[in-house]
Amino acid sequence: MQHHAPPPAPADPLAATRARRAGVTAFVGTTIEWFDFYIYGSASALVLGKVFFAGASPAVGTLAAFATFWVGFLARPLGGLVFGHFGDRYGRKKALVTTLSLMGCSTLAVGLLPGYAQIGAAAPVLLVVLRMIQGVAVGGEWGGAVLIATEHAPPGRKVLYGAFAQQGSPVGNLLATLAFLGIAQLPDAAFESWGWRLPFVASAVLVAVGLFVRLRLAETPEMVRALERGRTSRLPIRDVLTGYPVLVVLAVLAGVAGVALTYVKTTFALSWATTDLGYDRTAFLTVISVALVVQVLVQPFGAVLADRWTVRRAVLWMLLPEFALLPLMFVLVGTGNLGLAALGMALATFPHAMYYAALAGILARVFPVQIRYTGMSLAYQACTALFAGTAPIVSQSLLTATGSIWPVVALGLGYTAVTLGGVLPLLTRLDRRHQPAPAAPLTAPHAA
């Protein structure tokens, strides 16, 4: 008689509901965190040089403002290590509540901080301190938000669910840009004295909403099991660096295009267009808003492609077009035509945005659960400090030194090449690690 395998057990509806709730919670929290982080980027491109570095030339003031922008990225690895340790030892949820509270307080303080004209040299010093606190907060946020989504995800769907956390970045960036687009309508004197502060102060309301959502979230199933079994690491950073050094380096390189190119295409491009090309501030913020709407719409398809195809194939399809679309973007922006500039920035958004959606799920596979928060955060935040935070200031320095935009284009293409050099061998190693062990060879029975 022929025996049929029993049908697969139905999916647990409660687990599916928790997974969706975790994804939405990760999205809401990261949107608020990134809104707070990105409004600083817009402010640094438009106004912080004038308010906190009065007396410097416009170019030097912009460079100084971009330098404080970078400080936030330098602090992100520290936040990743501190909250990664906390999250690996005691749970993801507690760490994420703390990071959101820290970000909210520091952002509100920036909005209330007097400028150079009021308190002199103390103003830029305090600005740097507050930006560092922002960096610590967002450095601890990213890894925890990704793990909240991916560790609740159904089996085999980590890349897809990791995109929930990643989607908070373009939505937060879009909200930040729209906020500055609204206040950019103010006269210059009002914008520079109090108008730019409004998004920073208003963020306190968003943080309160985010905390309400986060406090209702359950701890992830994988972390609950690790805590119950006493399988947490006493010193996660030691275990990451001694057990997985090559994977850390490859993970750092794998993140470059996903995190650095957006600052070349938005923060630097905003400064270049309004300072060197004569674009109106409001008009170019509108161009960036169009590109961010495109990013919000297309980014999730990167995770869908990685879920439907092999991850390697999806990565190549997402990144290789960058070598044509990034130069095209700068050529079209350089025409001075708003319509062509918007078209160029929208097209150039596709590669890095789609790749960014898949990146979280890729990195979530690299490290075991007891050191995953620390390992992911170390790799990702080291990448942001080395590449993303430096992107505007290096781009501006190249433009200032050469008078040409093409060295900046070459820098962006270099970021893409470095990413391919990291992610492809990383995927090879992960595929080998997740292959099932070969079955033991069958041996013929001995003759009686």
Protein backbone atom coordinates (compact mmCIF):
# COMPACT_ATOMS: atom_id res chain seq x y z
CA MET A 1 0.00 0.00 0.00
CA GLN A 2 1.30 3.47 -0.87
CA HIS A 3 1.87 5.82 2.04
CA HIS A 4 1.44 9.56 1.63
CA ALA A 5 3.34 12.13 3.65
CA PRO A 6 1.11 14.00 6.06
CA PRO A 7 0.17 17.51 4.97
CA PRO A 8 2.29 20.32 6.45
CA ALA A 9 1.06 21.80 9.68
CA PRO A 10 -0.89 25.00 9.19
CA ALA A 11 0.92 28.21 10.02
CA ASP A 12 0.34 29.52 13.51
CA PRO A 13 -2.03 32.51 13.03
CA LEU A 14 -0.87 34.06 16.32
CA ALA A 15 2.78 33.88 15.24
CA ALA A 16 1.88 35.42 11.87
CA THR A 17 0.07 38.27 13.62
CA ARG A 18 3.06 38.86 15.91
CA ALA A 19 5.39 38.86 12.90
CA ARG A 20 3.33 41.51 11.11
CA ARG A 21 3.06 43.58 14.28
CA ALA A 22 6.82 43.35 14.80
CA GLY A 23 7.42 44.46 11.22
CA VAL A 24 5.11 47.47 11.60
CA THR A 25 6.69 48.36 14.95
CA ALA A 26 10.17 48.20 13.44
CA PHE A 27 9.02 50.44 10.59
CA VAL A 28 7.38 53.05 12.86
CA GLY A 29 10.32 53.23 15.24
CA THR A 30 13.00 53.49 12.58
CA THR A 31 10.96 56.10 10.68
CA ILE A 32 10.97 58.34 13.75
CA GLU A 33 14.66 57.72 14.50
CA TRP A 34 15.65 58.44 10.91
CA PHE A 35 13.45 61.52 10.74
CA ASP A 36 15.39 62.92 13.68
CA PHE A 37 18.72 61.93 12.14
CA TYR A 38 17.93 63.24 8.64
CA ILE A 39 16.57 66.63 9.65
CA TYR A 40 20.08 67.32 10.90
CA GLY A 41 21.43 66.47 7.44
CA SER A 42 19.06 68.91 5.74
CA ALA A 43 19.83 71.58 8.32
CA SER A 44 23.59 71.08 7.90
CA ALA A 45 23.29 71.60 4.15
CA LEU A 46 21.10 74.71 4.43
CA VAL A 47 21.58 76.63 7.65
CA LEU A 48 23.77 75.21 10.46
CA GLY A 49 26.95 76.74 9.03
CA LYS A 50 25.41 80.22 9.27
CA VAL A 51 23.93 79.74 12.75
CA PHE A 52 26.76 77.91 14.53
CA PHE A 53 29.85 78.90 12.51
CA ALA A 54 29.19 82.60 11.97
CA GLY A 55 32.06 84.55 10.42
CA ALA A 56 33.32 81.72 8.23
CA SER A 57 32.98 81.86 4.46
CA PRO A 58 29.97 79.99 3.03
CA ALA A 59 32.16 77.11 1.75
CA VAL A 60 34.03 76.76 5.06
CA GLY A 61 30.80 77.04 7.04
CA THR A 62 29.23 74.27 4.95
CA LEU A 63 32.31 72.06 5.45
CA ALA A 64 32.17 72.70 9.21
CA ALA A 65 28.45 71.84 9.30
CA PHE A 66 29.14 68.64 7.31
CA ALA A 67 31.89 67.84 9.83
CA THR A 68 29.37 67.95 12.68
CA PHE A 69 27.12 65.81 10.48
CA TRP A 70 29.96 63.26 10.33
CA VAL A 71 30.34 63.30 14.13
CA GLY A 72 26.98 61.59 14.36
CA PHE A 73 28.32 58.77 12.21
CA LEU A 74 31.53 58.48 14.24
CA ALA A 75 29.40 57.92 17.34
CA ARG A 76 27.24 55.25 15.71
CA PRO A 77 29.69 52.32 16.24
CA LEU A 78 29.79 53.21 19.95
CA GLY A 79 25.99 53.10 20.06
CA GLY A 80 26.01 49.81 18.18
CA LEU A 81 28.43 48.25 20.65
CA VAL A 82 26.74 49.59 23.78
CA PHE A 83 23.19 48.71 22.79
CA GLY A 84 24.29 45.58 20.95
CA HIS A 85 25.80 44.31 24.22
CA PHE A 86 22.67 45.34 26.12
CA GLY A 87 20.35 43.79 23.52
CA ASP A 88 22.29 40.52 23.31
CA ARG A 89 22.44 40.19 27.09
CA TYR A 90 18.98 41.35 28.16
CA GLY A 91 16.73 41.55 25.11
CA ARG A 92 16.00 43.57 21.98
CA LYS A 93 12.94 45.42 23.28
CA LYS A 94 14.64 47.11 26.26
CA ALA A 95 17.46 48.35 24.07
CA LEU A 96 15.08 49.82 21.49
CA VAL A 97 13.00 51.72 24.04
CA THR A 98 16.21 53.30 25.37
CA THR A 99 17.56 54.28 21.93
CA LEU A 100 14.32 56.01 20.94
CA SER A 101 14.20 57.98 24.21
CA LEU A 102 17.83 59.07 23.78
CA MET A 103 17.27 60.18 20.21
CA GLY A 104 14.17 62.18 21.13
CA CYS A 105 15.88 64.10 23.93
CA SER A 106 18.98 64.98 21.88
CA THR A 107 16.97 66.09 18.84
CA LEU A 108 14.74 68.35 20.93
CA ALA A 109 17.84 69.87 22.53
CA VAL A 110 19.32 70.72 19.11
CA GLY A 111 16.13 72.58 18.26
CA LEU A 112 16.40 74.63 21.45
CA LEU A 113 20.18 75.25 21.30
CA PRO A 114 21.22 78.94 21.05
CA GLY A 115 23.46 79.86 18.11
CA TYR A 116 26.94 81.37 17.93
CA ALA A 117 25.53 84.89 18.13
CA GLN A 118 23.99 84.12 21.53
CA ILE A 119 26.57 81.99 23.38
CA GLY A 120 29.70 82.13 21.22
CA ALA A 121 32.01 79.12 20.89
CA ALA A 122 29.89 77.07 23.30
CA ALA A 123 27.24 76.78 20.58
CA PRO A 124 29.21 74.61 18.11
CA VAL A 125 30.68 72.59 20.99
CA LEU A 126 27.23 71.75 22.36
CA LEU A 127 26.01 71.06 18.83
CA VAL A 128 28.76 68.45 18.40
CA VAL A 129 27.89 66.83 21.75
CA LEU A 130 24.20 66.58 20.87
CA ARG A 131 25.01 65.22 17.42
CA MET A 132 27.18 62.55 19.08
CA ILE A 133 24.25 61.54 21.30
CA GLN A 134 22.07 61.30 18.19
CA GLY A 135 24.71 59.06 16.65
CA VAL A 136 24.85 56.78 19.70
CA ALA A 137 21.07 56.44 19.64
CA VAL A 138 20.71 55.61 15.96
CA GLY A 139 23.75 53.34 16.17
CA GLY A 140 21.94 51.21 18.70
CA GLU A 141 18.60 51.49 16.94
CA TRP A 142 19.30 49.89 13.57
CA GLY A 143 20.42 46.43 14.62
CA GLY A 144 17.67 46.05 17.18
CA ALA A 145 14.94 47.19 14.79
CA VAL A 146 16.12 44.75 12.12
CA LEU A 147 16.19 41.91 14.64
CA ILE A 148 12.73 42.75 15.99
CA ALA A 149 11.45 42.19 12.44
CA THR A 150 13.65 39.30 11.29
CA GLU A 151 13.54 37.25 14.50
CA HIS A 152 9.74 37.30 14.39
CA ALA A 153 9.76 36.42 10.68
CA PRO A 154 8.48 33.09 9.33
CA PRO A 155 11.25 30.62 8.34
CA GLY A 156 13.09 31.63 5.19
CA ARG A 157 11.62 35.16 5.10
CA LYS A 158 14.28 37.15 6.99
CA VAL A 159 15.27 39.25 3.98
CA LEU A 160 11.65 40.17 3.29
CA TYR A 161 10.84 41.08 6.89
CA GLY A 162 14.11 42.94 7.36
CA ALA A 163 12.82 45.37 4.72
CA PHE A 164 10.24 46.66 7.25
CA ALA A 165 13.03 48.19 9.33
CA GLN A 166 14.85 49.43 6.23
CA GLN A 167 11.75 51.20 4.95
CA GLY A 168 11.93 53.57 7.91
CA SER A 169 15.01 55.23 6.42
CA PRO A 170 13.51 56.60 3.17
CA VAL A 171 10.19 57.43 4.85
CA GLY A 172 12.02 59.28 7.65
CA ASN A 173 14.18 61.03 5.06
CA LEU A 174 11.12 61.99 3.03
CA LEU A 175 9.33 63.39 6.09
CA ALA A 176 12.46 65.34 7.05
CA THR A 177 12.78 66.78 3.54
CA LEU A 178 9.09 67.69 3.42
CA ALA A 179 9.42 69.38 6.80
CA PHE A 180 12.26 71.54 5.51
CA LEU A 181 10.44 72.10 2.24
CA GLY A 182 7.58 73.58 4.23
CA ILE A 183 9.68 75.90 6.37
CA ALA A 184 11.89 76.88 3.41
CA GLN A 185 8.97 79.08 2.30
CA LEU A 186 9.81 81.42 5.17
CA PRO A 187 11.89 84.57 4.54
CA ASP A 188 15.62 83.95 5.00
CA ALA A 189 15.79 85.88 8.29
CA ALA A 190 12.94 83.87 9.83
CA PHE A 191 14.24 80.58 8.44
CA GLU A 192 17.73 81.14 9.89
CA SER A 193 16.61 82.46 13.27
CA TRP A 194 13.77 80.12 14.28
CA GLY A 195 12.19 78.36 11.30
CA TRP A 196 14.80 75.60 10.97
CA ARG A 197 14.23 74.67 14.61
CA LEU A 198 10.59 73.65 14.14
CA PRO A 199 11.20 70.08 12.85
CA PHE A 200 13.58 69.39 15.76
CA VAL A 201 11.08 70.54 18.36
CA ALA A 202 8.13 68.82 16.66
CA SER A 203 9.97 65.49 16.69
CA ALA A 204 9.18 65.18 20.41
CA VAL A 205 5.57 64.33 19.49
CA LEU A 206 6.70 61.60 17.07
CA VAL A 207 9.00 60.09 19.69
CA ALA A 208 6.11 59.86 22.16
CA VAL A 209 4.09 57.95 19.54
CA GLY A 210 7.03 55.65 18.85
CA LEU A 211 7.51 54.85 22.52
CA PHE A 212 3.84 53.98 22.90
CA VAL A 213 4.11 51.51 20.00
CA ARG A 214 7.37 49.97 21.18
CA LEU A 215 6.30 49.40 24.77
CA ARG A 216 3.47 47.15 23.53
CA LEU A 217 5.81 44.88 21.55
CA ALA A 218 6.81 41.40 22.76
CA GLU A 219 10.41 40.21 22.87
CA THR A 220 11.51 38.16 19.85
CA PRO A 221 11.03 34.36 20.03
CA GLU A 222 14.69 33.61 19.30
CA MET A 223 15.85 35.92 22.08
CA VAL A 224 13.29 34.52 24.52
CA ARG A 225 14.65 31.01 23.90
CA ALA A 226 18.23 32.19 24.34
CA LEU A 227 17.36 33.90 27.64
CA GLU A 228 15.42 30.90 28.93
CA ARG A 229 18.28 28.51 28.13
CA GLY A 230 20.96 30.81 29.50
CA ARG A 231 22.66 30.91 26.10
CA THR A 232 23.53 34.61 26.09
CA SER A 233 27.11 35.78 25.67
CA ARG A 234 28.87 37.39 28.63
CA LEU A 235 30.93 39.63 26.31
CA PRO A 236 29.41 39.65 22.81
CA ILE A 237 32.01 41.95 21.23
CA ARG A 238 34.84 39.61 22.23
CA ASP A 239 33.02 36.64 20.74
CA VAL A 240 32.30 38.55 17.51
CA LEU A 241 35.88 39.72 16.98
CA THR A 242 37.56 36.44 17.93
CA GLY A 243 35.11 34.11 16.22
CA TYR A 244 34.01 36.01 13.09
CA PRO A 245 36.62 38.63 12.07
CA VAL A 246 36.47 37.91 8.31
CA LEU A 247 32.68 38.03 8.30
CA VAL A 248 32.77 41.39 10.10
CA VAL A 249 35.05 42.87 7.42
CA LEU A 250 32.95 41.50 4.57
CA ALA A 251 29.76 42.75 6.23
CA VAL A 252 31.28 46.25 6.56
CA LEU A 253 32.15 46.31 2.86
CA ALA A 254 28.76 44.87 1.90
CA GLY A 255 26.95 47.85 3.40
CA VAL A 256 28.80 50.67 1.63
CA ALA A 257 26.52 51.32 -1.36
CA GLY A 258 23.42 50.92 0.76
CA VAL A 259 24.43 53.61 3.23
CA ALA A 260 26.89 56.00 1.52
CA LEU A 261 25.33 56.68 -1.87
CA THR A 262 22.18 58.20 -0.43
CA TYR A 263 24.26 60.98 1.18
CA VAL A 264 26.06 61.67 -2.10
CA LYS A 265 22.71 61.84 -3.90
CA THR A 266 20.84 63.94 -1.33
CA THR A 267 22.92 65.77 1.32
CA PHE A 268 25.86 66.63 -0.94
CA ALA A 269 23.72 67.13 -4.04
CA LEU A 270 21.50 69.59 -2.15
CA SER A 271 24.49 71.69 -1.17
CA TRP A 272 26.07 71.51 -4.66
CA ALA A 273 22.85 72.40 -6.46
CA THR A 274 21.93 75.36 -4.24
CA THR A 275 25.46 76.73 -3.78
CA ASP A 276 27.21 76.10 -7.10
CA LEU A 277 24.46 75.62 -9.68
CA GLY A 278 22.06 78.34 -8.62
CA TYR A 279 19.04 76.17 -7.89
CA ASP A 280 16.45 77.72 -5.61
CA ARG A 281 16.43 76.08 -2.16
CA THR A 282 12.74 75.23 -2.28
CA ALA A 283 12.91 73.96 -5.85
CA PHE A 284 15.74 71.52 -5.20
CA LEU A 285 14.18 70.27 -1.98
CA THR A 286 11.19 69.44 -4.18
CA VAL A 287 13.48 67.48 -6.52
CA ILE A 288 14.87 65.51 -3.59
CA SER A 289 11.33 64.89 -2.34
CA VAL A 290 10.41 63.36 -5.70
CA ALA A 291 13.44 61.07 -5.51
CA LEU A 292 12.53 60.04 -1.96
CA VAL A 293 8.96 59.22 -2.99
CA VAL A 294 10.45 56.99 -5.68
CA GLN A 295 12.68 55.38 -3.06
CA VAL A 296 9.75 54.69 -0.75
CA LEU A 297 7.90 53.02 -3.62
CA VAL A 298 10.70 50.96 -5.19
CA GLN A 299 12.81 50.02 -2.17
CA PRO A 300 10.63 47.10 -0.97
CA PHE A 301 10.99 45.43 -4.36
CA GLY A 302 14.65 44.80 -3.54
CA ALA A 303 13.59 42.51 -0.70
CA VAL A 304 10.93 40.92 -2.91
CA LEU A 305 13.52 40.12 -5.60
CA ALA A 306 15.90 38.64 -3.02
CA ASP A 307 13.01 36.58 -1.65
CA ARG A 308 11.94 35.29 -5.10
CA TRP A 309 15.38 34.85 -6.74
CA THR A 310 18.70 33.80 -5.28
CA VAL A 311 20.11 36.65 -3.20
CA ARG A 312 23.28 36.73 -5.34
CA ARG A 313 21.34 37.19 -8.56
CA ALA A 314 19.15 39.89 -7.00
CA VAL A 315 22.19 41.79 -5.70
CA LEU A 316 23.80 41.88 -9.14
CA TRP A 317 20.59 43.06 -10.81
CA MET A 318 20.24 45.80 -8.21
CA LEU A 319 23.81 47.16 -8.09
CA LEU A 320 25.20 46.93 -11.62
CA PRO A 321 22.85 49.64 -13.04
CA GLU A 322 24.47 52.10 -10.60
CA PHE A 323 27.49 52.37 -12.90
CA ALA A 324 25.29 54.02 -15.55
CA LEU A 325 22.62 55.78 -13.49
CA LEU A 326 24.85 57.67 -11.03
CA PRO A 327 26.82 59.53 -13.76
CA LEU A 328 23.56 60.19 -15.58
CA MET A 329 22.10 61.79 -12.43
CA PHE A 330 24.92 64.32 -12.08
CA VAL A 331 24.82 65.15 -15.79
CA LEU A 332 21.09 65.85 -15.63
CA VAL A 333 21.32 67.88 -12.41
CA GLY A 334 24.16 69.83 -14.01
CA THR A 335 21.86 71.02 -16.80
CA GLY A 336 20.11 73.36 -14.38
CA ASN A 337 16.74 72.08 -15.57
CA LEU A 338 14.44 71.08 -12.70
CA GLY A 339 12.57 68.44 -14.69
CA LEU A 340 15.78 66.74 -15.88
CA ALA A 341 17.28 66.98 -12.40
CA ALA A 342 14.23 65.25 -10.91
CA LEU A 343 14.37 62.55 -13.60
CA GLY A 344 18.07 61.92 -12.99
CA MET A 345 17.70 61.69 -9.23
CA ALA A 346 14.65 59.43 -9.50
CA LEU A 347 16.43 56.99 -11.83
CA ALA A 348 19.58 56.98 -9.70
CA THR A 349 17.49 56.08 -6.65
CA PHE A 350 16.64 52.58 -7.92
CA PRO A 351 19.95 50.71 -7.41
CA HIS A 352 21.02 51.70 -3.90
CA ALA A 353 17.44 51.82 -2.58
CA MET A 354 16.56 48.30 -3.68
CA TYR A 355 19.86 46.97 -2.41
CA TYR A 356 19.35 48.68 0.94
CA ALA A 357 16.06 46.80 1.38
CA ALA A 358 17.83 43.45 1.06
CA LEU A 359 20.88 44.41 3.10
CA ALA A 360 19.26 43.99 6.53
CA GLY A 361 18.13 40.44 5.82
CA ILE A 362 21.57 39.55 4.48
CA LEU A 363 23.34 40.82 7.59
CA ALA A 364 20.76 39.18 9.88
CA ARG A 365 22.03 35.78 8.62
CA VAL A 366 25.70 36.42 9.41
CA PHE A 367 25.92 35.98 13.19
CA PRO A 368 24.34 33.53 15.69
CA VAL A 369 21.52 34.79 17.89
CA GLN A 370 23.54 35.27 21.10
CA ILE A 371 25.89 37.80 19.42
CA ARG A 372 23.73 38.89 16.49
CA TYR A 373 22.78 42.38 17.73
CA THR A 374 26.42 43.22 18.48
CA GLY A 375 27.83 41.69 15.30
CA MET A 376 25.30 43.32 12.97
CA SER A 377 25.58 46.68 14.69
CA LEU A 378 29.38 46.66 14.69
CA ALA A 379 29.58 45.90 10.98
CA TYR A 380 26.82 48.25 9.87
CA GLN A 381 27.78 51.19 12.07
CA ALA A 382 31.49 50.89 11.28
CA CYS A 383 30.45 51.07 7.63
CA THR A 384 28.39 54.21 8.22
CA ALA A 385 31.23 55.89 10.14
CA LEU A 386 33.85 55.09 7.52
CA PHE A 387 31.80 55.64 4.37
CA ALA A 388 28.36 57.21 4.88
CA GLY A 389 29.28 59.93 7.36
CA THR A 390 32.30 60.96 5.30
CA ALA A 391 30.46 60.97 1.96
CA PRO A 392 29.25 64.63 2.02
CA ILE A 393 32.51 66.08 3.32
CA VAL A 394 34.72 64.00 0.98
CA SER A 395 32.44 64.88 -1.94
CA GLN A 396 32.55 68.58 -1.06
CA SER A 397 36.34 68.45 -0.64
CA LEU A 398 36.77 66.80 -4.05
CA LEU A 399 34.55 69.41 -5.66
CA THR A 400 36.35 72.29 -3.91
CA ALA A 401 39.81 70.94 -4.81
CA THR A 402 39.11 70.15 -8.48
CA GLY A 403 36.22 72.38 -9.46
CA SER A 404 34.71 69.38 -11.23
CA ILE A 405 31.86 67.05 -10.30
CA TRP A 406 33.46 64.00 -11.95
CA PRO A 407 35.72 63.06 -9.02
CA VAL A 408 32.52 62.92 -6.93
CA VAL A 409 30.97 60.60 -9.53
CA ALA A 410 34.07 58.40 -9.37
CA LEU A 411 33.77 58.30 -5.59
CA GLY A 412 30.18 57.05 -5.84
CA LEU A 413 31.10 54.38 -8.36
CA GLY A 414 33.96 53.33 -6.09
CA TYR A 415 31.44 52.82 -3.29
CA THR A 416 29.49 50.46 -5.55
CA ALA A 417 32.58 48.47 -6.53
CA VAL A 418 33.62 48.08 -2.88
CA THR A 419 30.13 46.80 -2.04
CA LEU A 420 30.24 44.12 -4.73
CA GLY A 421 33.70 43.11 -3.46
CA GLY A 422 32.24 42.55 0.00
CA VAL A 423 28.75 41.15 -0.51
CA LEU A 424 29.52 38.48 -3.13
CA PRO A 425 32.13 36.60 -1.03
CA LEU A 426 29.93 37.12 2.05
CA LEU A 427 27.01 35.42 0.30
CA THR A 428 29.30 32.57 -0.78
CA ARG A 429 30.33 31.96 2.82
CA LEU A 430 26.74 32.14 4.08
CA ASP A 431 25.54 29.71 1.42
CA ARG A 432 28.23 27.21 2.40
CA ARG A 433 27.37 27.53 6.07
CA HIS A 434 23.66 26.93 5.48
CA GLN A 435 24.07 23.94 3.18
CA PRO A 436 22.83 20.71 4.77
CA ALA A 437 25.52 18.27 5.80
CA PRO A 438 25.98 15.40 3.32
CA ALA A 439 24.28 12.16 4.26
CA ALA A 440 26.45 9.31 5.52
CA PRO A 441 27.32 6.87 2.69
CA LEU A 442 25.30 3.70 2.55
CA THR A 443 27.25 0.49 3.13
CA ALA A 444 26.27 -2.95 2.01
CA PRO A 445 25.26 -5.35 4.81
CA HIS A 446 27.85 -7.96 5.76
CA ALA A 447 27.20 -11.50 4.49
CA ALA A 448 26.05 -13.90 7.12
